[in-house]
Every structure is written in structure tokens, then in C-alpha cells.
């Protein structure tokens, strides 16, 4: 198998794993909502970061695929 085929497989698996991670994190947010909110009801920056970056990384992996 050529290097291009390995790169394609890597980005294909990365894309699906990132989408699954984004869905899993969203489910975890729904189940444990109070752990992701501060005393004013705002999202913590780490929660906001992961909820934004996981789907974005999946889209970019799809572009590289």
C-alpha cells in the first residue's frame, strides 16, 4: 500500500473518531450539565473549547481526507 493510501486511511479514521468524540462529549454535557456551568449559568471555557473544537477538527480531517 502506498503512503497516500495510509494518509487517506489515517484521516478517514481520525474524522470518524473525532465525530464520535464530539457526540460523546455532547451526551456527557447533557447528562452532567451542572459540572459544565459556573455559578452564573455560563459554560466553562474548557467545555466551550471542546464543544467547538472537536467538530471543527472532524471537519478539517474530512477536508484533508
Protein backbone atom coordinates (compact mmCIF):
# COMPACT_ATOMS: atom_id res chain seq x y z
CA UNK A 1 0.00 0.00 0.00
CA UNK A 2 1.30 3.47 -0.83
CA UNK A 3 1.91 6.35 1.55
CA UNK A 4 -1.08 8.20 0.11
CA UNK A 5 -3.35 5.29 0.96
CA UNK A 6 -2.06 5.25 4.54
CA UNK A 7 -2.61 9.01 4.83
CA UNK A 8 -6.14 8.62 3.48
CA UNK A 9 -6.92 5.84 5.98
CA UNK A 10 -5.47 7.88 8.84
CA UNK A 11 -7.63 10.92 8.09
CA UNK A 12 -10.67 8.74 7.47
CA UNK A 13 -10.36 7.08 10.90
CA UNK A 14 -9.50 10.41 12.51
CA UNK A 15 -12.62 12.03 11.06
CA UNK A 16 -14.94 9.31 12.37
CA UNK A 17 -13.26 9.15 15.76
CA UNK A 18 -13.47 12.92 16.16
CA UNK A 19 -17.18 12.88 15.29
CA UNK A 20 -17.76 10.10 17.81
CA UNK A 21 -15.80 12.06 20.43
CA UNK A 22 -17.91 15.18 19.74
CA UNK A 23 -21.14 13.20 20.12
CA UNK A 24 -19.88 11.51 23.30
CA UNK A 25 -18.88 14.86 24.80
CA UNK A 26 -22.28 16.34 23.97
CA UNK A 27 -24.02 13.41 25.65
CA UNK A 28 -21.74 13.82 28.68
CA UNK A 29 -22.68 17.51 28.78
CA UNK A 30 -26.40 16.71 28.76
CA UNK A 31 -26.00 14.10 31.50
CA UNK A 32 -23.74 16.21 33.76
CA UNK A 33 -24.81 19.75 32.89
CA UNK A 34 -24.10 21.37 36.30
CA UNK A 35 -20.45 20.32 36.14
CA UNK A 36 -20.00 22.40 32.97
CA UNK A 37 -21.65 25.62 34.16
CA UNK A 38 -20.37 28.30 36.52
CA UNK A 39 -22.46 29.98 39.21
CA UNK A 40 -23.97 32.38 36.63
CA UNK A 41 -25.04 29.60 34.27
CA UNK A 42 -22.27 30.24 31.73
CA UNK A 43 -20.21 27.50 30.13
CA UNK A 44 -16.69 26.97 31.38
CA UNK A 45 -14.09 27.88 28.77
CA UNK A 46 -12.82 24.30 28.63
CA UNK A 47 -16.31 22.99 27.91
CA UNK A 48 -16.86 25.63 25.25
CA UNK A 49 -13.45 24.85 23.73
CA UNK A 50 -14.08 21.09 23.41
CA UNK A 51 -17.67 21.53 22.18
CA UNK A 52 -16.37 23.81 19.41
CA UNK A 53 -13.02 22.21 18.55
CA UNK A 54 -13.99 18.52 18.28
CA UNK A 55 -16.50 19.05 15.43
CA UNK A 56 -14.19 21.59 13.81
CA UNK A 57 -11.29 19.13 13.90
CA UNK A 58 -13.56 16.47 12.39
CA UNK A 59 -14.47 18.77 9.52
CA UNK A 60 -10.81 19.59 8.86
CA UNK A 61 -9.92 15.90 8.94
CA UNK A 62 -12.62 15.42 6.32
CA UNK A 63 -11.06 18.17 4.21
CA UNK A 64 -7.64 16.51 4.41
CA UNK A 65 -9.15 13.14 3.62
